[in-house]
Amino acid sequence: MPSRAHGRLAEQIRPYRFTPDFARHATGSVLASCGATEVICAAMILEEVPRWMKVQNVTGGWITAEYSMLPYSTLDRKPRDISKGRLDGRSVEIQRLIGRAMRAAVDLEKLGPRTLTIDCDVLRADGGTRTTAITGAYVAVARAIDSLMGMGKLKQSPLKAQIAAVSVGVVAGDVLVDLDYVEDKDASVDMNVVMTSQGQFVELQASGEESTFSPEQLSAMMAGAQGGLRELFDLQSEAIKF
C-alpha cells in the first residue's frame, strides 16, 4: 500500500471539520475543512424566483450555486474569473453540480417562491474541492432552512434528503478513498460520488486517466465511497445541530 498523508488507511477519509456560522451575514454557512482543503459554503435567501420561472409559470422555489477558487487557494496564484472576462469552464461545471445536488436535497414546492443561492469559495485547495463544497453546501442549506423556520417563514422543512460527496480513485493499482492533490494527480482512475444518506445516487463522475478500470475495481470504488459517505453523514448531522 502507498503511504498516505495523516497515516490513513486506503478506505479512510481525511480529517474533516465543520465550522458553522462562518459567514455571519449568510442565512446559513459553514467552513468545511477536509484535510488541507478548506471551502466556505454560504447560503442566502432571496424572496423571489428567477424570471424564467415566472415566464414559464413554474411554481415553488429555486436553488442555484456559485463556485470559485480564491487566487491564493493554490500554490501558484489563480487569476480571478472576472480578470478573464468569463467563468472558468471547470468552475461552471462544478457550480452546476452543486446546484443539482442541492436541488435533489430540497422539495422546491415546500421551499416556496424564493431563491436559495449557495456560494462556495475555496480558501485552500488540496484535492476534493468539489466534493468538499457539496458536503459543506448541504450543511449551509440545512442551517439556512432552520433559520427560515425559526423566523416563521416556513411551516415545515423542505429538506427531503441528506446529501454528501466523496472522491475515490485507483492509485498505483490500489483503490483509495478521498484523494488529496498528490494522490489525485497520480490516479489512473478518478471518481466523484454524490449520494443521499438513504443510499440513492445523485451523481457519479468516473473516468480513466489514459487508463481503464474493471467492473471489480468499480465495485471496490463504490464500496469505499459508501463507507466514507456514512462517516460524512454523521459529521454533517453534528454540524447542523451545532
Protein backbone atom coordinates (compact mmCIF):
# COMPACT_ATOMS: atom_id res chain seq x y z
CA MET A 1 0.00 0.00 0.00
CA PRO A 2 1.25 3.52 -0.77
CA SER A 3 1.96 5.81 2.17
CA ARG A 4 -0.91 8.26 2.74
CA ALA A 5 -0.98 11.63 4.47
CA HIS A 6 -2.26 11.57 8.07
CA GLY A 7 -1.36 7.86 8.20
CA ARG A 8 -4.68 7.00 6.59
CA LEU A 9 -5.76 3.55 5.51
CA ALA A 10 -6.99 3.11 1.95
CA GLU A 11 -10.64 3.35 2.98
CA GLN A 12 -10.29 6.32 5.35
CA ILE A 13 -11.41 9.87 4.59
CA ARG A 14 -9.23 12.79 5.61
CA PRO A 15 -9.77 14.56 8.95
CA TYR A 16 -13.00 16.53 8.45
CA ARG A 17 -14.16 19.58 10.37
CA PHE A 18 -17.17 21.87 10.04
CA THR A 19 -17.16 25.40 11.49
CA PRO A 20 -20.81 26.60 11.41
CA ASP A 21 -21.84 30.26 11.01
CA PHE A 22 -18.51 31.16 9.43
CA ALA A 23 -20.10 33.85 7.24
CA ARG A 24 -22.14 35.85 9.72
CA HIS A 25 -24.38 37.66 7.22
CA ALA A 26 -25.44 34.50 5.39
CA THR A 27 -28.70 32.75 6.25
CA GLY A 28 -26.69 29.57 6.79
CA SER A 29 -22.96 28.98 6.45
CA VAL A 30 -20.06 26.70 7.30
CA LEU A 31 -16.33 26.44 6.76
CA ALA A 32 -15.83 22.86 5.54
CA SER A 33 -12.29 21.57 6.11
CA CYS A 34 -11.25 18.28 4.55
CA GLY A 35 -7.59 17.68 5.36
CA ALA A 36 -5.82 20.72 3.92
CA THR A 37 -8.76 21.62 1.66
CA GLU A 38 -10.94 24.44 3.01
CA VAL A 39 -14.18 25.71 1.44
CA ILE A 40 -16.53 28.41 2.74
CA CYS A 41 -20.13 27.44 1.94
CA ALA A 42 -22.76 30.14 2.47
CA ALA A 43 -26.48 30.01 1.69
CA MET A 44 -28.56 33.15 1.27
CA ILE A 45 -32.27 33.65 0.60
CA LEU A 46 -33.89 35.98 -1.91
CA GLU A 47 -37.65 36.33 -1.53
CA GLU A 48 -38.35 35.96 -5.23
CA VAL A 49 -37.75 33.45 -8.02
CA PRO A 50 -35.83 33.79 -11.31
CA ARG A 51 -37.63 35.50 -14.18
CA TRP A 52 -37.73 32.28 -16.25
CA MET A 53 -39.88 30.62 -13.56
CA LYS A 54 -42.40 33.45 -13.71
CA VAL A 55 -42.49 33.38 -17.53
CA GLN A 56 -42.96 29.60 -17.63
CA ASN A 57 -45.40 29.60 -14.68
CA VAL A 58 -43.17 27.22 -12.71
CA THR A 59 -44.30 27.00 -9.10
CA GLY A 60 -42.17 26.60 -5.99
CA GLY A 61 -38.68 27.93 -5.40
CA TRP A 62 -35.24 27.56 -6.89
CA ILE A 63 -31.74 26.67 -5.74
CA THR A 64 -28.59 27.73 -7.54
CA ALA A 65 -24.90 27.79 -6.70
CA GLU A 66 -21.70 29.65 -7.46
CA TYR A 67 -18.20 28.20 -7.04
CA SER A 68 -14.82 29.85 -7.16
CA MET A 69 -11.25 29.21 -6.16
CA LEU A 70 -9.69 32.23 -4.49
CA PRO A 71 -6.40 33.41 -6.04
CA TYR A 72 -4.36 32.22 -3.05
CA SER A 73 -6.05 28.82 -2.76
CA THR A 74 -3.33 27.12 -4.82
CA LEU A 75 0.47 27.21 -4.79
CA ASP A 76 0.52 29.38 -7.93
CA ARG A 77 -1.84 32.35 -7.92
CA LYS A 78 -5.08 31.56 -9.72
CA PRO A 79 -6.40 34.62 -11.59
CA ARG A 80 -9.96 35.61 -10.73
CA ASP A 81 -12.54 34.79 -13.40
CA ILE A 82 -13.52 38.47 -13.61
CA SER A 83 -9.99 39.30 -14.79
CA LYS A 84 -10.52 36.94 -17.74
CA GLY A 85 -13.97 38.29 -18.53
CA ARG A 86 -15.58 34.86 -18.33
CA LEU A 87 -16.16 31.97 -15.96
CA ASP A 88 -13.63 29.16 -15.99
CA GLY A 89 -15.17 26.04 -17.60
CA ARG A 90 -14.30 23.92 -14.58
CA SER A 91 -15.99 26.42 -12.24
CA VAL A 92 -19.16 26.36 -14.35
CA GLU A 93 -19.22 22.55 -14.28
CA ILE A 94 -18.74 22.40 -10.50
CA GLN A 95 -21.29 25.07 -9.60
CA ARG A 96 -23.89 23.33 -11.76
CA LEU A 97 -23.08 20.07 -9.97
CA ILE A 98 -23.52 21.74 -6.57
CA GLY A 99 -26.84 23.23 -7.67
CA ARG A 100 -28.13 19.87 -8.94
CA ALA A 101 -27.07 18.15 -5.73
CA MET A 102 -28.82 20.69 -3.50
CA ARG A 103 -31.99 20.63 -5.60
CA ALA A 104 -32.05 16.86 -5.02
CA ALA A 105 -31.96 17.57 -1.27
CA VAL A 106 -34.84 20.07 -1.14
CA ASP A 107 -38.52 19.95 -2.05
CA LEU A 108 -38.75 23.12 -4.15
CA GLU A 109 -42.53 23.35 -3.75
CA LYS A 110 -42.20 23.42 0.03
CA LEU A 111 -39.37 25.96 -0.23
CA GLY A 112 -41.92 28.37 -1.65
CA PRO A 113 -41.43 31.27 -4.10
CA ARG A 114 -37.90 32.15 -3.07
CA THR A 115 -34.37 31.57 -4.37
CA LEU A 116 -31.69 29.93 -2.26
CA THR A 117 -28.19 30.72 -3.54
CA ILE A 118 -25.15 28.83 -2.28
CA ASP A 119 -21.72 30.41 -2.64
CA CYS A 120 -18.80 28.00 -2.34
CA ASP A 121 -15.40 29.71 -2.16
CA VAL A 122 -12.25 27.62 -1.94
CA LEU A 123 -9.79 29.08 0.58
CA ARG A 124 -7.24 26.31 0.18
CA ALA A 125 -7.14 23.51 -2.37
CA ASP A 126 -5.55 20.12 -1.76
CA GLY A 127 -7.80 17.89 -3.82
CA GLY A 128 -11.52 17.21 -3.41
CA THR A 129 -12.70 20.81 -3.62
CA ARG A 130 -15.94 19.90 -5.43
CA THR A 131 -16.81 17.07 -3.05
CA THR A 132 -15.99 19.23 -0.01
CA ALA A 133 -18.11 22.04 -1.49
CA ILE A 134 -21.11 19.72 -1.95
CA THR A 135 -20.76 18.23 1.52
CA GLY A 136 -20.42 21.67 3.09
CA ALA A 137 -23.19 23.16 0.95
CA TYR A 138 -25.69 20.72 2.42
CA VAL A 139 -24.78 21.86 5.94
CA ALA A 140 -25.16 25.51 4.90
CA VAL A 141 -28.53 24.80 3.26
CA ALA A 142 -29.82 22.83 6.26
CA ARG A 143 -28.83 25.63 8.63
CA ALA A 144 -30.47 28.20 6.31
CA ILE A 145 -33.69 26.14 6.35
CA ASP A 146 -33.56 26.01 10.15
CA SER A 147 -33.18 29.80 10.18
CA LEU A 148 -36.19 30.28 7.90
CA MET A 149 -38.29 28.03 10.10
CA GLY A 150 -37.13 29.91 13.18
CA MET A 151 -38.31 33.16 11.56
CA GLY A 152 -41.68 31.61 10.78
CA LYS A 153 -41.19 31.82 7.01
CA LEU A 154 -41.51 28.05 6.62
CA LYS A 155 -44.06 25.90 8.43
CA GLN A 156 -42.32 22.62 7.61
CA SER A 157 -38.84 21.73 6.48
CA PRO A 158 -38.46 21.25 2.71
CA LEU A 159 -35.40 19.06 3.26
CA LYS A 160 -36.08 15.62 1.81
CA ALA A 161 -32.61 14.03 1.66
CA GLN A 162 -29.19 14.40 3.23
CA ILE A 163 -26.52 14.83 0.54
CA ALA A 164 -22.75 14.37 0.68
CA ALA A 165 -19.95 13.68 -1.78
CA VAL A 166 -16.57 11.97 -1.73
CA SER A 167 -13.84 11.18 -4.22
CA VAL A 168 -12.36 7.74 -4.78
CA GLY A 169 -9.78 6.50 -7.24
CA VAL A 170 -7.18 3.97 -8.26
CA VAL A 171 -3.61 4.93 -7.44
CA ALA A 172 -0.76 2.53 -8.28
CA GLY A 173 -3.34 -0.25 -8.54
CA ASP A 174 -4.91 0.43 -5.13
CA VAL A 175 -8.41 1.81 -4.50
CA LEU A 176 -8.15 4.89 -2.25
CA VAL A 177 -10.96 6.94 -0.71
CA ASP A 178 -10.94 10.76 -0.51
CA LEU A 179 -7.92 11.61 -2.64
CA ASP A 180 -5.72 14.57 -1.77
CA TYR A 181 -3.94 16.51 -4.52
CA VAL A 182 -0.85 14.29 -4.69
CA GLU A 183 -2.98 11.16 -4.96
CA ASP A 184 -5.41 12.74 -7.41
CA LYS A 185 -2.73 13.82 -9.87
CA ASP A 186 -1.23 10.31 -9.87
CA ALA A 187 -4.57 8.47 -10.07
CA SER A 188 -5.18 6.23 -13.08
CA VAL A 189 -8.91 6.33 -12.32
CA ASP A 190 -10.80 9.14 -10.63
CA MET A 191 -14.42 9.10 -9.47
CA ASN A 192 -16.66 11.50 -7.55
CA VAL A 193 -19.73 10.05 -5.86
CA VAL A 194 -22.69 12.17 -4.72
CA MET A 195 -25.27 10.26 -2.68
CA THR A 196 -28.12 10.59 -0.22
CA SER A 197 -27.99 9.12 3.26
CA GLN A 198 -30.61 6.61 2.04
CA GLY A 199 -28.05 5.23 -0.42
CA GLN A 200 -29.57 6.83 -3.53
CA PHE A 201 -27.22 8.24 -6.17
CA VAL A 202 -27.41 11.90 -7.12
CA GLU A 203 -24.47 11.86 -9.49
CA LEU A 204 -21.45 9.74 -10.47
CA GLN A 205 -18.44 11.15 -12.29
CA ALA A 206 -15.91 8.46 -13.19
CA SER A 207 -13.14 8.38 -15.76
CA GLY A 208 -9.88 6.64 -16.51
CA GLU A 209 -6.88 8.95 -16.89
CA GLU A 210 -5.32 7.40 -20.01
CA SER A 211 -6.36 4.13 -18.41
CA THR A 212 -9.31 1.79 -17.98
CA PHE A 213 -10.91 0.15 -14.96
CA SER A 214 -12.58 -3.20 -14.41
CA PRO A 215 -16.04 -3.99 -13.00
CA GLU A 216 -14.26 -5.32 -9.91
CA GLN A 217 -12.40 -2.02 -9.43
CA LEU A 218 -15.64 -0.09 -9.93
CA SER A 219 -17.32 -2.23 -7.28
CA ALA A 220 -14.40 -1.66 -4.88
CA MET A 221 -14.52 2.10 -5.50
CA MET A 222 -18.26 2.19 -4.83
CA ALA A 223 -17.85 0.23 -1.59
CA GLY A 224 -15.07 2.57 -0.46
CA ALA A 225 -17.10 5.66 -1.34
CA GLN A 226 -20.16 4.43 0.56
CA GLY A 227 -18.07 3.79 3.67
CA GLY A 228 -16.61 7.30 3.54
CA LEU A 229 -20.03 8.84 2.96
CA ARG A 230 -21.52 7.17 6.03
CA GLU A 231 -18.93 8.96 8.15
CA LEU A 232 -19.62 12.27 6.37
CA PHE A 233 -23.36 11.99 7.00
CA ASP A 234 -22.70 11.64 10.73
CA LEU A 235 -20.37 14.66 10.74
CA GLN A 236 -22.91 16.74 8.82
CA SER A 237 -25.65 15.90 11.30
CA GLU A 238 -23.49 17.06 14.20
CA ALA A 239 -22.66 20.35 12.41
CA ILE A 240 -26.31 21.07 11.59
CA LYS A 241 -27.30 20.70 15.25
CA PHE A 242 -24.43 22.94 16.45
